[in-house]
Protein backbone atom coordinates (compact mmCIF):
# COMPACT_ATOMS: atom_id res chain seq x y z
CA MET A 1 38.33 17.26 -8.10
CA SER A 2 39.16 20.44 -10.00
CA LEU A 3 37.34 21.79 -13.02
CA ILE A 4 39.28 23.68 -15.71
CA LEU A 5 37.47 26.89 -16.65
CA PRO A 6 37.38 27.83 -20.35
CA ARG A 7 39.40 30.85 -21.43
CA ASN A 8 37.94 33.90 -23.10
CA LEU A 9 39.53 33.85 -26.54
CA ASP A 10 38.35 37.39 -27.34
CA LYS A 11 41.06 38.86 -25.05
CA ARG A 12 39.30 42.20 -24.77
CA PRO A 13 37.77 43.10 -21.41
CA ASN A 14 34.05 43.76 -21.23
CA ASN A 15 33.21 47.36 -22.15
CA ASN A 16 31.11 47.65 -18.99
CA ALA A 17 34.07 46.71 -16.77
CA ARG A 18 35.46 49.36 -14.49
CA LEU A 19 39.04 50.18 -15.38
CA GLU A 20 41.81 51.06 -12.97
CA PRO A 21 42.26 54.77 -12.26
CA ARG A 22 44.73 56.60 -14.45
CA ASP A 23 47.00 59.55 -13.86
CA ARG A 24 46.86 62.75 -15.91
CA TYR A 25 49.06 61.18 -18.60
CA GLY A 26 46.74 58.20 -19.10
CA TYR A 27 48.87 55.59 -17.32
CA ARG A 28 47.51 53.23 -14.69
CA TYR A 29 48.70 53.97 -11.18
CA SER A 30 49.60 50.33 -10.50
CA SER A 31 51.93 49.92 -13.50
CA MET A 32 53.24 51.69 -16.55
CA SER A 33 51.69 49.13 -18.93
CA ASP A 34 49.67 50.31 -21.92
CA GLN A 35 46.92 47.72 -21.35
CA SER A 36 44.16 48.33 -18.84
CA ILE A 37 42.97 45.47 -16.68
CA PRO A 38 39.45 45.50 -15.27
CA LEU A 39 39.03 45.85 -11.53
CA PRO A 40 37.23 43.17 -9.54
CA LYS A 41 33.47 43.34 -9.90
CA ASP A 42 30.80 42.77 -7.29
CA VAL A 43 27.91 40.45 -8.13
CA THR A 44 25.05 38.99 -6.13
CA ILE A 45 24.91 35.19 -5.94
CA LYS A 46 22.03 33.62 -3.99
CA GLY A 47 21.46 36.89 -2.15
CA ALA A 48 25.11 37.30 -1.07
CA GLN A 49 27.47 39.98 -2.40
CA VAL A 50 30.57 38.31 -3.96
CA ARG A 51 33.65 39.95 -5.48
CA LEU A 52 34.94 38.33 -8.67
CA LYS A 53 38.59 38.85 -9.61
CA TYR A 54 39.76 39.20 -13.21
CA CYS A 55 42.40 36.76 -14.47
CA GLU A 56 44.88 38.55 -16.74
CA THR A 57 46.06 35.27 -18.27
CA CYS A 58 42.70 33.65 -19.07
CA TYR A 59 40.81 36.94 -19.69
CA ILE A 60 37.86 35.92 -17.51
CA TYR A 61 36.29 36.89 -14.20
CA ARG A 62 36.97 33.92 -11.93
CA PRO A 63 33.98 32.51 -10.06
CA PRO A 64 34.17 32.07 -6.27
CA ARG A 65 36.59 29.35 -5.09
CA ALA A 66 38.53 29.43 -8.36
CA SER A 67 42.16 30.36 -8.90
CA HIS A 68 44.80 30.33 -11.62
CA CYS A 69 46.99 27.21 -11.62
CA LYS A 70 50.64 27.81 -12.47
CA GLN A 71 51.18 24.16 -13.42
CA CYS A 72 48.46 23.82 -16.04
CA ASP A 73 48.25 27.58 -16.84
CA ASN A 74 44.44 27.59 -16.55
CA CYS A 75 41.91 28.86 -14.05
CA VAL A 76 40.50 25.97 -12.08
CA GLY A 77 37.46 25.76 -9.82
CA ARG A 78 37.22 23.63 -6.70
């Protein structure tokens, strides 16, 4: 059974999030978009280091074993 994760309606990344590196003109190396997307962040869960990925559609860091579903357009956890 899958659980739909709630979206972040604020749509602004956390100020503490690390942003992708930029070139000398202020553009991200990965694309020429004007919006910056936070990099994955490392957290400790039950003593284990886990990397959480940021979902650009839902504006959240996905927990482990979660992914974005193209059919329902939401992040879902297993």
